[in-house]
Amino acid sequence: IPGRYLILTPFSDGCGISRKIEDPLERKRLKTLINELTLPEGVGVIVRTAGEGKKSRYFVRDLHLLLKKWEEIQRKMDTDRAPACLYQEPDIVERTVRDFLTEDIDRVLIDDESDFKRTQEFVSQISSRSRNKIAYYKDSIPVFERYNIERQIEQTFQRKVALPSGGEIIIDETEALIAIDVNTGSHKNRGGDEKNVIYAVNLEAAVEIARQIRLRNLGG
C-alpha cells in the first residue's frame, strides 16, 4: 500500500529501501530509522525514493496513515461479502497531492470545488501547514488556458519544439532510440559570432530537452 514516503507491505515483515537511493550513508541512516518504527507483527515497509533525506517524523506520520488504511482493509475483509473491493488506488487528485506536494511547491490550484474541499481534507492528514497551499481557482478563464498548459500539451505531440531565441529541437523516435537534433534555425544573432550563437542555442536546448523528456516520458 503506497504512502508518500513508505510502502506498507502486509503479510511480509521485511523492510527495504528504494534502489534509487544509492548513497551508502543515507541507506544506513534510513535502515536505522525504519528499524525504530513500531510495526505490527507480519507487516513490513519499503522506503520510497521521496524519503531520501527526510527526518523520522515524516515516516512516523506516513506509517500512521498507512496503518489506518490497512485497518480499514482488514475490517472490510471481515465484514464485506465477496466479491468486494477491499482497496483501490487513489484517483489522480489524491495521487498528485501524495506524490508531488513537496516542500518546494508553493501553491496547488484546483478548479473543481468538490475536489478542492476533498484535497484540503486529505492534505490536512499529511501536513496541516500544507493545507494553505491548496487554492480554489475561480477565474472565468479555464485554468489550463490561463497558465498556457494547453499549448504545452499540444507541443508534446509535435516533432519540432521552438526555443526562446529562435532555434529549435527536433525529436524523432526510431525503433532503436530517441534522436533529438538541435538546430540554430532563425536564431536572433545580436551581433555575436557563429560560435556564440551555437553555444547560446545549445544552452537553451539543454534545458528544453530535459523538460521534453519529462513531459513526453521518454526517459525509459
N, C-alpha and C. Protein backbone atom coordinates (compact mmCIF):
# COMPACT_ATOMS: atom_id res chain seq x y z
N ILE A 1 0.86 -1.18 0.00
CA ILE A 1 0.00 0.00 0.00
C ILE A 1 0.90 1.23 0.00
N PRO A 2 0.91 2.02 -1.07
CA PRO A 2 1.86 3.14 -1.15
C PRO A 2 1.40 4.36 -0.37
N GLY A 3 2.34 4.94 0.38
CA GLY A 3 2.14 6.22 1.02
C GLY A 3 3.06 7.22 0.37
N ARG A 4 3.30 8.31 1.06
CA ARG A 4 4.14 9.35 0.48
C ARG A 4 5.63 8.98 0.56
N TYR A 5 6.04 8.49 1.70
CA TYR A 5 7.45 8.16 1.89
C TYR A 5 7.69 6.66 2.10
N LEU A 6 6.63 5.93 2.41
CA LEU A 6 6.74 4.50 2.69
C LEU A 6 5.75 3.70 1.86
N ILE A 7 6.07 2.45 1.65
CA ILE A 7 5.12 1.49 1.10
C ILE A 7 4.91 0.44 2.19
N LEU A 8 3.65 0.23 2.58
CA LEU A 8 3.33 -0.78 3.59
C LEU A 8 3.17 -2.13 2.90
N THR A 9 3.79 -3.16 3.46
CA THR A 9 3.73 -4.50 2.84
C THR A 9 3.15 -5.50 3.84
N PRO A 10 1.81 -5.59 3.92
CA PRO A 10 1.18 -6.59 4.79
C PRO A 10 1.56 -8.00 4.36
N PHE A 11 1.60 -8.90 5.34
CA PHE A 11 1.96 -10.32 5.13
C PHE A 11 3.42 -10.50 4.71
N SER A 12 4.21 -9.45 4.87
CA SER A 12 5.64 -9.55 4.58
C SER A 12 6.35 -8.61 5.55
N ASP A 13 7.05 -9.18 6.52
CA ASP A 13 7.63 -8.34 7.57
C ASP A 13 9.04 -7.83 7.26
N GLY A 14 9.47 -7.97 5.99
CA GLY A 14 10.78 -7.45 5.61
C GLY A 14 10.74 -5.94 5.43
N CYS A 15 11.86 -5.28 5.65
CA CYS A 15 11.97 -3.83 5.46
C CYS A 15 13.03 -3.55 4.41
N GLY A 16 12.74 -2.64 3.51
CA GLY A 16 13.69 -2.34 2.43
C GLY A 16 13.76 -0.87 2.13
N ILE A 17 14.66 -0.52 1.20
CA ILE A 17 14.89 0.86 0.80
C ILE A 17 14.96 0.90 -0.72
N SER A 18 14.34 1.90 -1.31
CA SER A 18 14.34 2.05 -2.77
C SER A 18 15.76 1.97 -3.32
N ARG A 19 15.92 1.24 -4.41
CA ARG A 19 17.24 1.10 -5.02
C ARG A 19 17.73 2.40 -5.65
N LYS A 20 16.81 3.34 -5.86
CA LYS A 20 17.20 4.63 -6.43
C LYS A 20 17.95 5.49 -5.41
N ILE A 21 17.85 5.14 -4.13
CA ILE A 21 18.65 5.82 -3.10
C ILE A 21 19.98 5.08 -3.03
N GLU A 22 21.02 5.68 -3.60
CA GLU A 22 22.28 4.96 -3.79
C GLU A 22 23.35 5.27 -2.75
N ASP A 23 23.26 6.42 -2.09
CA ASP A 23 24.30 6.82 -1.13
C ASP A 23 24.33 5.84 0.05
N PRO A 24 25.47 5.15 0.27
CA PRO A 24 25.55 4.15 1.34
C PRO A 24 25.25 4.71 2.73
N LEU A 25 25.72 5.93 3.01
CA LEU A 25 25.48 6.54 4.32
C LEU A 25 23.99 6.83 4.53
N GLU A 26 23.32 7.29 3.45
CA GLU A 26 21.89 7.58 3.55
C GLU A 26 21.10 6.29 3.72
N ARG A 27 21.50 5.25 3.01
CA ARG A 27 20.81 3.96 3.14
C ARG A 27 20.96 3.42 4.57
N LYS A 28 22.16 3.59 5.14
CA LYS A 28 22.39 3.14 6.51
C LYS A 28 21.53 3.93 7.49
N ARG A 29 21.44 5.26 7.27
CA ARG A 29 20.61 6.10 8.14
C ARG A 29 19.15 5.68 8.07
N LEU A 30 18.67 5.46 6.86
CA LEU A 30 17.27 5.07 6.68
C LEU A 30 16.99 3.69 7.27
N LYS A 31 17.96 2.80 7.14
CA LYS A 31 17.79 1.46 7.70
C LYS A 31 17.62 1.54 9.22
N THR A 32 18.46 2.37 9.86
CA THR A 32 18.35 2.57 11.30
C THR A 32 16.99 3.17 11.66
N LEU A 33 16.57 4.11 10.85
CA LEU A 33 15.32 4.83 11.12
C LEU A 33 14.10 3.89 11.02
N ILE A 34 14.04 3.08 9.98
CA ILE A 34 12.86 2.21 9.84
C ILE A 34 12.87 1.07 10.84
N ASN A 35 14.05 0.70 11.31
CA ASN A 35 14.12 -0.33 12.35
C ASN A 35 13.56 0.18 13.68
N GLU A 36 13.51 1.51 13.83
CA GLU A 36 12.98 2.10 15.05
C GLU A 36 11.46 2.31 14.99
N LEU A 37 10.86 2.12 13.82
CA LEU A 37 9.41 2.28 13.69
C LEU A 37 8.68 1.13 14.36
N THR A 38 7.54 1.43 14.93
CA THR A 38 6.73 0.40 15.60
C THR A 38 5.76 -0.20 14.58
N LEU A 39 6.08 -1.42 14.16
CA LEU A 39 5.27 -2.09 13.14
C LEU A 39 4.53 -3.28 13.74
N PRO A 40 3.29 -3.52 13.32
CA PRO A 40 2.59 -4.72 13.77
C PRO A 40 3.30 -5.98 13.27
N GLU A 41 3.08 -7.07 13.92
CA GLU A 41 3.72 -8.31 13.51
C GLU A 41 3.23 -8.72 12.12
N GLY A 42 4.17 -9.16 11.30
CA GLY A 42 3.81 -9.61 9.96
C GLY A 42 3.62 -8.51 8.93
N VAL A 43 4.03 -7.29 9.29
CA VAL A 43 3.90 -6.15 8.37
C VAL A 43 5.26 -5.50 8.19
N GLY A 44 5.62 -5.19 6.95
CA GLY A 44 6.90 -4.55 6.68
C GLY A 44 6.71 -3.24 5.95
N VAL A 45 7.81 -2.55 5.69
CA VAL A 45 7.76 -1.29 4.94
C VAL A 45 8.93 -1.20 3.98
N ILE A 46 8.73 -0.42 2.93
CA ILE A 46 9.81 -0.08 1.99
C ILE A 46 9.87 1.44 1.93
N VAL A 47 11.06 2.01 2.04
CA VAL A 47 11.23 3.46 1.95
C VAL A 47 11.23 3.85 0.47
N ARG A 48 10.34 4.77 0.10
CA ARG A 48 10.28 5.25 -1.27
C ARG A 48 11.40 6.26 -1.52
N THR A 49 11.67 6.53 -2.80
CA THR A 49 12.73 7.46 -3.17
C THR A 49 12.50 8.84 -2.54
N ALA A 50 11.23 9.23 -2.40
CA ALA A 50 10.90 10.54 -1.80
C ALA A 50 11.35 10.64 -0.35
N GLY A 51 11.64 9.51 0.29
CA GLY A 51 12.06 9.51 1.69
C GLY A 51 13.51 9.89 1.90
N GLU A 52 14.27 10.01 0.83
CA GLU A 52 15.69 10.34 0.94
C GLU A 52 15.87 11.68 1.65
N GLY A 53 16.66 11.70 2.71
CA GLY A 53 16.96 12.92 3.44
C GLY A 53 15.91 13.36 4.44
N LYS A 54 14.80 12.62 4.51
CA LYS A 54 13.71 13.02 5.40
C LYS A 54 13.96 12.58 6.84
N LYS A 55 13.43 13.37 7.80
CA LYS A 55 13.60 13.07 9.22
C LYS A 55 12.58 12.03 9.67
N SER A 56 12.80 11.54 10.87
CA SER A 56 11.99 10.44 11.42
C SER A 56 10.50 10.77 11.45
N ARG A 57 10.16 12.03 11.77
CA ARG A 57 8.73 12.37 11.97
C ARG A 57 7.91 12.18 10.69
N TYR A 58 8.55 12.36 9.54
CA TYR A 58 7.83 12.17 8.28
C TYR A 58 7.40 10.71 8.12
N PHE A 59 8.26 9.80 8.49
CA PHE A 59 7.96 8.37 8.35
C PHE A 59 6.94 7.91 9.39
N VAL A 60 7.05 8.48 10.59
CA VAL A 60 6.09 8.11 11.66
C VAL A 60 4.68 8.51 11.24
N ARG A 61 4.54 9.73 10.71
CA ARG A 61 3.22 10.21 10.29
C ARG A 61 2.69 9.40 9.10
N ASP A 62 3.57 9.11 8.15
CA ASP A 62 3.17 8.32 6.98
C ASP A 62 2.75 6.91 7.38
N LEU A 63 3.50 6.31 8.30
CA LEU A 63 3.17 4.97 8.76
C LEU A 63 1.82 4.95 9.47
N HIS A 64 1.54 5.99 10.26
CA HIS A 64 0.26 6.08 10.96
C HIS A 64 -0.91 6.05 9.97
N LEU A 65 -0.79 6.83 8.88
CA LEU A 65 -1.86 6.87 7.88
C LEU A 65 -1.99 5.53 7.15
N LEU A 66 -0.87 4.90 6.86
CA LEU A 66 -0.90 3.62 6.15
C LEU A 66 -1.51 2.51 7.02
N LEU A 67 -1.19 2.53 8.30
CA LEU A 67 -1.75 1.51 9.20
C LEU A 67 -3.27 1.70 9.36
N LYS A 68 -3.71 2.96 9.36
CA LYS A 68 -5.16 3.21 9.42
C LYS A 68 -5.83 2.65 8.17
N LYS A 69 -5.19 2.85 7.01
CA LYS A 69 -5.72 2.31 5.76
C LYS A 69 -5.77 0.79 5.80
N TRP A 70 -4.73 0.16 6.35
CA TRP A 70 -4.66 -1.29 6.45
C TRP A 70 -5.75 -1.82 7.40
N GLU A 71 -6.00 -1.08 8.47
CA GLU A 71 -7.07 -1.49 9.40
C GLU A 71 -8.44 -1.45 8.70
N GLU A 72 -8.65 -0.43 7.86
CA GLU A 72 -9.90 -0.35 7.10
C GLU A 72 -10.04 -1.55 6.17
N ILE A 73 -8.95 -1.92 5.51
CA ILE A 73 -8.98 -3.07 4.60
C ILE A 73 -9.30 -4.35 5.37
N GLN A 74 -8.68 -4.50 6.54
CA GLN A 74 -8.93 -5.69 7.35
C GLN A 74 -10.39 -5.77 7.80
N ARG A 75 -10.96 -4.60 8.15
CA ARG A 75 -12.38 -4.58 8.54
C ARG A 75 -13.27 -5.03 7.38
N LYS A 76 -12.94 -4.56 6.19
CA LYS A 76 -13.71 -4.97 5.01
C LYS A 76 -13.56 -6.47 4.75
N MET A 77 -12.36 -6.98 4.97
CA MET A 77 -12.13 -8.41 4.79
C MET A 77 -13.03 -9.24 5.71
N ASP A 78 -13.25 -8.71 6.91
CA ASP A 78 -14.05 -9.44 7.90
C ASP A 78 -15.55 -9.26 7.71
N THR A 79 -15.95 -8.11 7.16
CA THR A 79 -17.39 -7.80 7.14
C THR A 79 -18.03 -7.83 5.76
N ASP A 80 -17.28 -7.47 4.71
CA ASP A 80 -17.87 -7.39 3.38
C ASP A 80 -18.05 -8.78 2.78
N ARG A 81 -19.09 -8.90 1.99
CA ARG A 81 -19.38 -10.17 1.35
C ARG A 81 -18.69 -10.22 -0.02
N ALA A 82 -18.00 -11.30 -0.29
CA ALA A 82 -17.28 -11.43 -1.56
C ALA A 82 -18.27 -11.63 -2.71
N PRO A 83 -17.96 -11.14 -3.90
CA PRO A 83 -16.77 -10.34 -4.23
C PRO A 83 -16.93 -8.88 -3.80
N ALA A 84 -15.86 -8.30 -3.30
CA ALA A 84 -15.90 -6.90 -2.84
C ALA A 84 -14.55 -6.25 -3.08
N CYS A 85 -14.57 -4.94 -3.32
CA CYS A 85 -13.32 -4.17 -3.49
C CYS A 85 -12.78 -3.81 -2.12
N LEU A 86 -11.62 -4.31 -1.79
CA LEU A 86 -11.01 -4.04 -0.48
C LEU A 86 -10.15 -2.77 -0.49
N TYR A 87 -9.52 -2.51 -1.62
CA TYR A 87 -8.64 -1.35 -1.70
C TYR A 87 -8.57 -0.88 -3.14
N GLN A 88 -8.57 0.42 -3.31
CA GLN A 88 -8.47 0.99 -4.66
C GLN A 88 -7.43 2.10 -4.64
N GLU A 89 -6.56 2.08 -5.63
CA GLU A 89 -5.54 3.12 -5.74
C GLU A 89 -6.22 4.49 -5.82
N PRO A 90 -5.73 5.49 -5.08
CA PRO A 90 -6.35 6.83 -5.12
C PRO A 90 -6.43 7.40 -6.53
N ASP A 91 -7.38 8.30 -6.75
CA ASP A 91 -7.52 8.92 -8.07
C ASP A 91 -6.41 9.94 -8.29
N ILE A 92 -6.45 10.59 -9.44
CA ILE A 92 -5.35 11.47 -9.83
C ILE A 92 -5.17 12.65 -8.87
N VAL A 93 -6.27 13.12 -8.26
CA VAL A 93 -6.17 14.25 -7.33
C VAL A 93 -5.37 13.84 -6.10
N GLU A 94 -5.74 12.72 -5.49
CA GLU A 94 -5.04 12.27 -4.28
C GLU A 94 -3.61 11.85 -4.59
N ARG A 95 -3.39 11.20 -5.74
CA ARG A 95 -2.03 10.79 -6.11
C ARG A 95 -1.13 12.00 -6.31
N THR A 96 -1.68 13.05 -6.92
CA THR A 96 -0.90 14.27 -7.14
C THR A 96 -0.47 14.87 -5.81
N VAL A 97 -1.40 14.96 -4.86
CA VAL A 97 -1.08 15.50 -3.54
C VAL A 97 -0.07 14.61 -2.84
N ARG A 98 -0.30 13.31 -2.88
CA ARG A 98 0.57 12.36 -2.17
C ARG A 98 2.00 12.39 -2.70
N ASP A 99 2.15 12.44 -4.03
CA ASP A 99 3.48 12.26 -4.64
C ASP A 99 4.18 13.54 -5.03
N PHE A 100 3.42 14.64 -5.23
CA PHE A 100 4.06 15.83 -5.78
C PHE A 100 3.95 17.08 -4.91
N LEU A 101 3.15 17.04 -3.86
CA LEU A 101 3.05 18.22 -2.99
C LEU A 101 4.21 18.22 -2.00
N THR A 102 5.37 18.62 -2.50
CA THR A 102 6.58 18.65 -1.68
C THR A 102 6.80 20.05 -1.12
N GLU A 103 7.84 20.20 -0.32
CA GLU A 103 8.09 21.47 0.36
C GLU A 103 8.43 22.59 -0.61
N ASP A 104 8.92 22.27 -1.81
CA ASP A 104 9.29 23.32 -2.76
C ASP A 104 8.12 23.75 -3.64
N ILE A 105 6.94 23.17 -3.42
CA ILE A 105 5.74 23.60 -4.14
C ILE A 105 5.04 24.69 -3.33
N ASP A 106 4.79 25.84 -3.96
CA ASP A 106 4.19 26.97 -3.26
C ASP A 106 2.67 26.92 -3.25
N ARG A 107 2.07 26.43 -4.36
CA ARG A 107 0.62 26.52 -4.46
C ARG A 107 0.10 25.45 -5.42
N VAL A 108 -1.07 24.93 -5.10
CA VAL A 108 -1.77 24.00 -5.98
C VAL A 108 -3.15 24.60 -6.27
N LEU A 109 -3.45 24.80 -7.55
CA LEU A 109 -4.73 25.37 -7.95
C LEU A 109 -5.68 24.27 -8.40
N ILE A 110 -6.89 24.29 -7.88
CA ILE A 110 -7.91 23.29 -8.24
C ILE A 110 -9.17 24.04 -8.67
N ASP A 111 -9.69 23.71 -9.86
CA ASP A 111 -10.84 24.46 -10.39
C ASP A 111 -12.17 23.76 -10.18
N ASP A 112 -12.17 22.68 -9.44
CA ASP A 112 -13.41 21.97 -9.10
C ASP A 112 -13.62 22.08 -7.58
N GLU A 113 -14.77 22.62 -7.17
CA GLU A 113 -14.97 22.91 -5.75
C GLU A 113 -14.98 21.66 -4.88
N SER A 114 -15.60 20.58 -5.36
CA SER A 114 -15.64 19.35 -4.56
C SER A 114 -14.25 18.74 -4.42
N ASP A 115 -13.46 18.77 -5.52
CA ASP A 115 -12.08 18.27 -5.45
C ASP A 115 -11.23 19.15 -4.55
N PHE A 116 -11.51 20.47 -4.57
CA PHE A 116 -10.77 21.41 -3.72
C PHE A 116 -10.99 21.07 -2.24
N LYS A 117 -12.25 20.87 -1.83
CA LYS A 117 -12.56 20.57 -0.43
C LYS A 117 -11.99 19.21 -0.04
N ARG A 118 -12.11 18.24 -0.94
CA ARG A 118 -11.59 16.89 -0.65
C ARG A 118 -10.07 16.92 -0.51
N THR A 119 -9.42 17.72 -1.35
CA THR A 119 -7.95 17.81 -1.30
C THR A 119 -7.49 18.47 -0.01
N GLN A 120 -8.20 19.51 0.41
CA GLN A 120 -7.84 20.17 1.66
C GLN A 120 -7.92 19.20 2.85
N GLU A 121 -8.97 18.40 2.86
CA GLU A 121 -9.12 17.41 3.94
C GLU A 121 -7.98 16.39 3.89
N PHE A 122 -7.66 15.94 2.70
CA PHE A 122 -6.61 14.94 2.53
C PHE A 122 -5.25 15.50 2.93
N VAL A 123 -4.98 16.75 2.51
CA VAL A 123 -3.70 17.39 2.84
C VAL A 123 -3.57 17.61 4.34
N SER A 124 -4.67 17.91 5.00
CA SER A 124 -4.64 18.14 6.45
C SER A 124 -4.14 16.91 7.20
N GLN A 125 -4.42 15.73 6.66
CA GLN A 125 -3.95 14.49 7.29
C GLN A 125 -2.43 14.35 7.16
N ILE A 126 -1.91 14.85 6.03
CA ILE A 126 -0.47 14.73 5.78
C ILE A 126 0.29 15.84 6.49
N SER A 127 -0.17 17.08 6.31
CA SER A 127 0.51 18.24 6.90
C SER A 127 -0.46 19.40 6.99
N SER A 128 -0.81 19.80 8.20
CA SER A 128 -1.75 20.91 8.38
C SER A 128 -1.19 22.20 7.80
N ARG A 129 0.12 22.35 7.81
CA ARG A 129 0.74 23.56 7.28
C ARG A 129 0.57 23.65 5.76
N SER A 130 0.55 22.49 5.09
CA SER A 130 0.42 22.47 3.63
C SER A 130 -1.00 22.75 3.17
N ARG A 131 -1.96 22.72 4.09
CA ARG A 131 -3.36 22.97 3.72
C ARG A 131 -3.52 24.33 3.04
N ASN A 132 -2.75 25.32 3.50
CA ASN A 132 -2.84 26.67 2.95
C ASN A 132 -2.31 26.77 1.52
N LYS A 133 -1.59 25.74 1.07
CA LYS A 133 -1.08 25.75 -0.30
C LYS A 133 -2.16 25.40 -1.32
N ILE A 134 -3.26 24.80 -0.86
CA ILE A 134 -4.34 24.39 -1.76
C ILE A 134 -5.27 25.57 -1.96
N ALA A 135 -5.41 26.02 -3.21
CA ALA A 135 -6.23 27.19 -3.52
C ALA A 135 -7.31 26.83 -4.54
N TYR A 136 -8.47 27.46 -4.38
CA TYR A 136 -9.59 27.23 -5.29
C TYR A 136 -9.52 28.24 -6.43
N TYR A 137 -9.46 27.75 -7.67
CA TYR A 137 -9.34 28.62 -8.85
C TYR A 137 -10.74 28.99 -9.34
N LYS A 138 -11.09 30.29 -9.29
CA LYS A 138 -12.44 30.75 -9.65
C LYS A 138 -12.47 31.58 -10.92
N ASP A 139 -11.34 31.84 -11.52
CA ASP A 139 -11.29 32.72 -12.69
C ASP A 139 -12.16 32.18 -13.82
N SER A 140 -12.74 33.08 -14.62
CA SER A 140 -13.59 32.66 -15.74
C SER A 140 -12.79 32.02 -16.87
N ILE A 141 -11.51 32.37 -16.98
CA ILE A 141 -10.64 31.74 -17.98
C ILE A 141 -10.23 30.36 -17.46
N PRO A 142 -10.42 29.29 -18.26
CA PRO A 142 -10.04 27.95 -17.80
C PRO A 142 -8.59 27.90 -17.33
N VAL A 143 -8.34 27.14 -16.29
CA VAL A 143 -7.02 27.14 -15.64
C VAL A 143 -5.92 26.70 -16.60
N PHE A 144 -6.19 25.73 -17.48
CA PHE A 144 -5.17 25.28 -18.43
C PHE A 144 -4.83 26.38 -19.44
N GLU A 145 -5.85 27.15 -19.81
CA GLU A 145 -5.62 28.25 -20.75
C GLU A 145 -4.90 29.40 -20.05
N ARG A 146 -5.30 29.66 -18.81
CA ARG A 146 -4.72 30.77 -18.04
C ARG A 146 -3.21 30.61 -17.87
N TYR A 147 -2.74 29.38 -17.69
CA TYR A 147 -1.31 29.14 -17.45
C TYR A 147 -0.62 28.48 -18.65
N ASN A 148 -1.25 28.60 -19.82
CA ASN A 148 -0.62 28.17 -21.08
C ASN A 148 -0.32 26.67 -21.11
N ILE A 149 -1.09 25.87 -20.36
CA ILE A 149 -0.83 24.44 -20.30
C ILE A 149 -1.33 23.73 -21.56
N GLU A 150 -2.46 24.22 -22.12
CA GLU A 150 -2.99 23.61 -23.35
C GLU A 150 -1.93 23.60 -24.45
N ARG A 151 -1.25 24.73 -24.61
CA ARG A 151 -0.22 24.84 -25.65
C ARG A 151 0.92 23.87 -25.38
N GLN A 152 1.28 23.71 -24.11
CA GLN A 152 2.36 22.79 -23.78
C GLN A 152 1.96 21.33 -24.05
N ILE A 153 0.69 21.02 -23.81
CA ILE A 153 0.20 19.66 -24.10
C ILE A 153 0.25 19.41 -25.60
N GLU A 154 -0.15 20.42 -26.39
CA GLU A 154 -0.09 20.29 -27.85
C GLU A 154 1.35 20.05 -28.31
N GLN A 155 2.29 20.73 -27.66
CA GLN A 155 3.69 20.60 -28.04
C GLN A 155 4.23 19.19 -27.84
N THR A 156 3.65 18.45 -26.89
CA THR A 156 4.18 17.11 -26.62
C THR A 156 3.94 16.16 -27.78
N PHE A 157 3.10 16.55 -28.73
CA PHE A 157 2.84 15.71 -29.91
C PHE A 157 3.54 16.25 -31.15
N GLN A 158 4.24 17.36 -31.00
CA GLN A 158 4.89 17.96 -32.16
C GLN A 158 6.33 17.47 -32.29
N ARG A 159 6.77 17.33 -33.53
CA ARG A 159 8.14 16.89 -33.80
C ARG A 159 9.14 18.01 -33.50
N LYS A 160 8.76 19.25 -33.82
CA LYS A 160 9.64 20.39 -33.60
C LYS A 160 9.19 21.18 -32.38
N VAL A 161 10.16 21.60 -31.59
CA VAL A 161 9.88 22.44 -30.42
C VAL A 161 10.75 23.69 -30.53
N ALA A 162 10.10 24.84 -30.54
CA ALA A 162 10.83 26.10 -30.70
C ALA A 162 11.55 26.47 -29.41
N LEU A 163 12.72 27.09 -29.55
CA LEU A 163 13.48 27.60 -28.41
C LEU A 163 13.27 29.11 -28.32
N PRO A 164 13.46 29.70 -27.16
CA PRO A 164 13.13 31.12 -26.95
C PRO A 164 13.78 32.07 -27.95
N SER A 165 15.03 31.82 -28.34
CA SER A 165 15.75 32.79 -29.17
C SER A 165 15.62 32.51 -30.67
N GLY A 166 14.81 31.52 -31.06
CA GLY A 166 14.61 31.26 -32.48
C GLY A 166 15.15 29.93 -32.96
N GLY A 167 15.98 29.26 -32.18
CA GLY A 167 16.43 27.92 -32.54
C GLY A 167 15.32 26.91 -32.31
N GLU A 168 15.62 25.64 -32.51
CA GLU A 168 14.61 24.60 -32.31
C GLU A 168 15.28 23.26 -32.06
N ILE A 169 14.52 22.36 -31.40
CA ILE A 169 14.96 20.98 -31.29
C ILE A 169 13.96 20.12 -32.06
N ILE A 170 14.45 19.05 -32.66
CA ILE A 170 13.62 18.13 -33.44
C ILE A 170 13.73 16.75 -32.81
N ILE A 171 12.58 16.20 -32.43
CA ILE A 171 12.54 14.93 -31.71
C ILE A 171 12.00 13.84 -32.62
N ASP A 172 12.82 12.81 -32.87
CA ASP A 172 12.41 11.68 -33.71
C ASP A 172 12.55 10.39 -32.93
N GLU A 173 11.50 9.60 -32.94
CA GLU A 173 11.52 8.31 -32.24
C GLU A 173 11.72 7.20 -33.26
N THR A 174 12.80 6.46 -33.12
CA THR A 174 13.08 5.32 -34.00
C THR A 174 12.89 4.04 -33.20
N GLU A 175 13.04 2.91 -33.87
CA GLU A 175 12.87 1.63 -33.17
C GLU A 175 13.96 1.43 -32.13
N ALA A 176 15.15 1.98 -32.40
CA ALA A 176 16.29 1.72 -31.50
C ALA A 176 16.49 2.81 -30.45
N LEU A 177 16.11 4.04 -30.78
CA LEU A 177 16.43 5.13 -29.85
C LEU A 177 15.58 6.36 -30.13
N ILE A 178 15.66 7.33 -29.24
CA ILE A 178 15.05 8.64 -29.45
C ILE A 178 16.17 9.60 -29.88
N ALA A 179 16.03 10.19 -31.06
CA ALA A 179 17.04 11.12 -31.56
C ALA A 179 16.53 12.55 -31.38
N ILE A 180 17.36 13.40 -30.78
CA ILE A 180 16.99 14.81 -30.60
C ILE A 180 18.05 15.67 -31.28
N ASP A 181 17.63 16.38 -32.31
CA ASP A 181 18.54 17.22 -33.10
C ASP A 181 18.36 18.68 -32.68
N VAL A 182 19.45 19.40 -32.56
CA VAL A 182 19.41 20.82 -32.18
C VAL A 182 19.77 21.66 -33.40
N ASN A 183 18.88 22.57 -33.77
CA ASN A 183 19.11 23.46 -34.93
C ASN A 183 19.12 24.91 -34.47
N THR A 184 20.02 25.71 -35.07
CA THR A 184 20.04 27.13 -34.76
C THR A 184 18.84 27.83 -35.37
N GLY A 185 18.31 27.30 -36.49
CA GLY A 185 17.10 27.84 -37.10
C GLY A 185 17.23 29.33 -37.37
N SER A 186 16.23 30.09 -36.95
CA SER A 186 16.24 31.55 -37.18
C SER A 186 16.72 32.28 -35.94
N HIS A 187 17.76 31.72 -35.30
CA HIS A 187 18.27 32.31 -34.06
C HIS A 187 18.60 33.79 -34.27
N LYS A 188 18.17 34.60 -33.32
CA LYS A 188 18.40 36.05 -33.41
C LYS A 188 19.85 36.35 -33.02
N ASN A 189 20.69 36.46 -33.99
CA ASN A 189 22.10 36.73 -33.74
C ASN A 189 22.29 38.24 -33.54
N ARG A 190 22.45 38.62 -32.30
CA ARG A 190 22.56 40.05 -31.97
C ARG A 190 24.03 40.48 -32.00
N GLY A 191 24.60 40.41 -33.18
CA GLY A 191 25.96 40.90 -33.34
C GLY A 191 27.03 39.94 -32.86
N GLY A 192 26.67 38.74 -32.44
CA GLY A 192 27.67 37.79 -31.97
C GLY A 192 28.21 36.94 -33.11
N ASP A 193 29.31 36.23 -32.87
CA ASP A 193 29.82 35.36 -33.92
C ASP A 193 29.11 34.01 -33.88
N GLU A 194 29.42 33.16 -34.85
CA GLU A 194 28.70 31.89 -35.02
C GLU A 194 28.88 30.97 -33.82
N LYS A 195 30.10 30.97 -33.24
CA LYS A 195 30.35 30.09 -32.08
C LYS A 195 29.44 30.48 -30.91
N ASN A 196 29.28 31.77 -30.69
CA ASN A 196 28.43 32.23 -29.59
C ASN A 196 26.97 31.88 -29.83
N VAL A 197 26.54 31.94 -31.11
CA VAL A 197 25.17 31.58 -31.46
C VAL A 197 24.93 30.12 -31.15
N ILE A 198 25.84 29.26 -31.59
CA ILE A 198 25.69 27.81 -31.35
C ILE A 198 25.68 27.51 -29.85
N TYR A 199 26.56 28.18 -29.13
CA TYR A 199 26.64 27.98 -27.69
C TYR A 199 25.33 28.38 -27.00
N ALA A 200 24.78 29.54 -27.40
CA ALA A 200 23.54 30.03 -26.80
C ALA A 200 22.38 29.08 -27.09
N VAL A 201 22.30 28.59 -28.32
CA VAL A 201 21.23 27.65 -28.69
C VAL A 201 21.37 26.34 -27.91
N ASN A 202 22.59 25.87 -27.76
CA ASN A 202 22.82 24.62 -27.02
C ASN A 202 22.43 24.76 -25.55
N LEU A 203 22.67 25.93 -24.97
CA LEU A 203 22.27 26.17 -23.58
C LEU A 203 20.75 26.08 -23.44
N GLU A 204 20.04 26.72 -24.36
CA GLU A 204 18.58 26.67 -24.34
C GLU A 204 18.08 25.24 -24.60
N ALA A 205 18.73 24.57 -25.54
CA ALA A 205 18.32 23.21 -25.89
C ALA A 205 18.50 22.24 -24.73
N ALA A 206 19.57 22.41 -23.96
CA ALA A 206 19.83 21.51 -22.83
C ALA A 206 18.69 21.57 -21.82
N VAL A 207 18.20 22.79 -21.57
CA VAL A 207 17.08 22.97 -20.63
C VAL A 207 15.81 22.37 -21.22
N GLU A 208 15.52 22.70 -22.48
CA GLU A 208 14.27 22.27 -23.10
C GLU A 208 14.23 20.75 -23.33
N ILE A 209 15.36 20.15 -23.67
CA ILE A 209 15.40 18.70 -23.89
C ILE A 209 15.06 17.96 -22.59
N ALA A 210 15.65 18.42 -21.48
CA ALA A 210 15.35 17.78 -20.18
C ALA A 210 13.87 17.91 -19.87
N ARG A 211 13.29 19.06 -20.19
CA ARG A 211 11.86 19.30 -19.95
C ARG A 211 10.99 18.41 -20.84
N GLN A 212 11.36 18.30 -22.10
CA GLN A 212 10.58 17.47 -23.03
C GLN A 212 10.67 15.98 -22.69
N ILE A 213 11.81 15.55 -22.19
CA ILE A 213 11.95 14.15 -21.77
C ILE A 213 10.96 13.84 -20.66
N ARG A 214 10.79 14.79 -19.75
CA ARG A 214 9.83 14.59 -18.66
C ARG A 214 8.40 14.66 -19.17
N LEU A 215 8.10 15.67 -19.99
CA LEU A 215 6.73 15.85 -20.50
C LEU A 215 6.27 14.65 -21.32
N ARG A 216 7.17 14.13 -22.15
CA ARG A 216 6.82 13.04 -23.07
C ARG A 216 7.10 11.65 -22.48
N ASN A 217 7.68 11.63 -21.29
CA ASN A 217 8.02 10.37 -20.64
C ASN A 217 8.94 9.52 -21.52
N LEU A 218 10.03 10.14 -21.97
CA LEU A 218 10.97 9.47 -22.89
C LEU A 218 12.15 8.84 -22.16
N GLY A 219 12.19 8.93 -20.85
CA GLY A 219 13.41 8.56 -20.12
C GLY A 219 13.66 7.09 -19.96
N GLY A 220 12.70 6.24 -20.28
CA GLY A 220 12.92 4.80 -20.16
C GLY A 220 12.81 4.34 -18.72
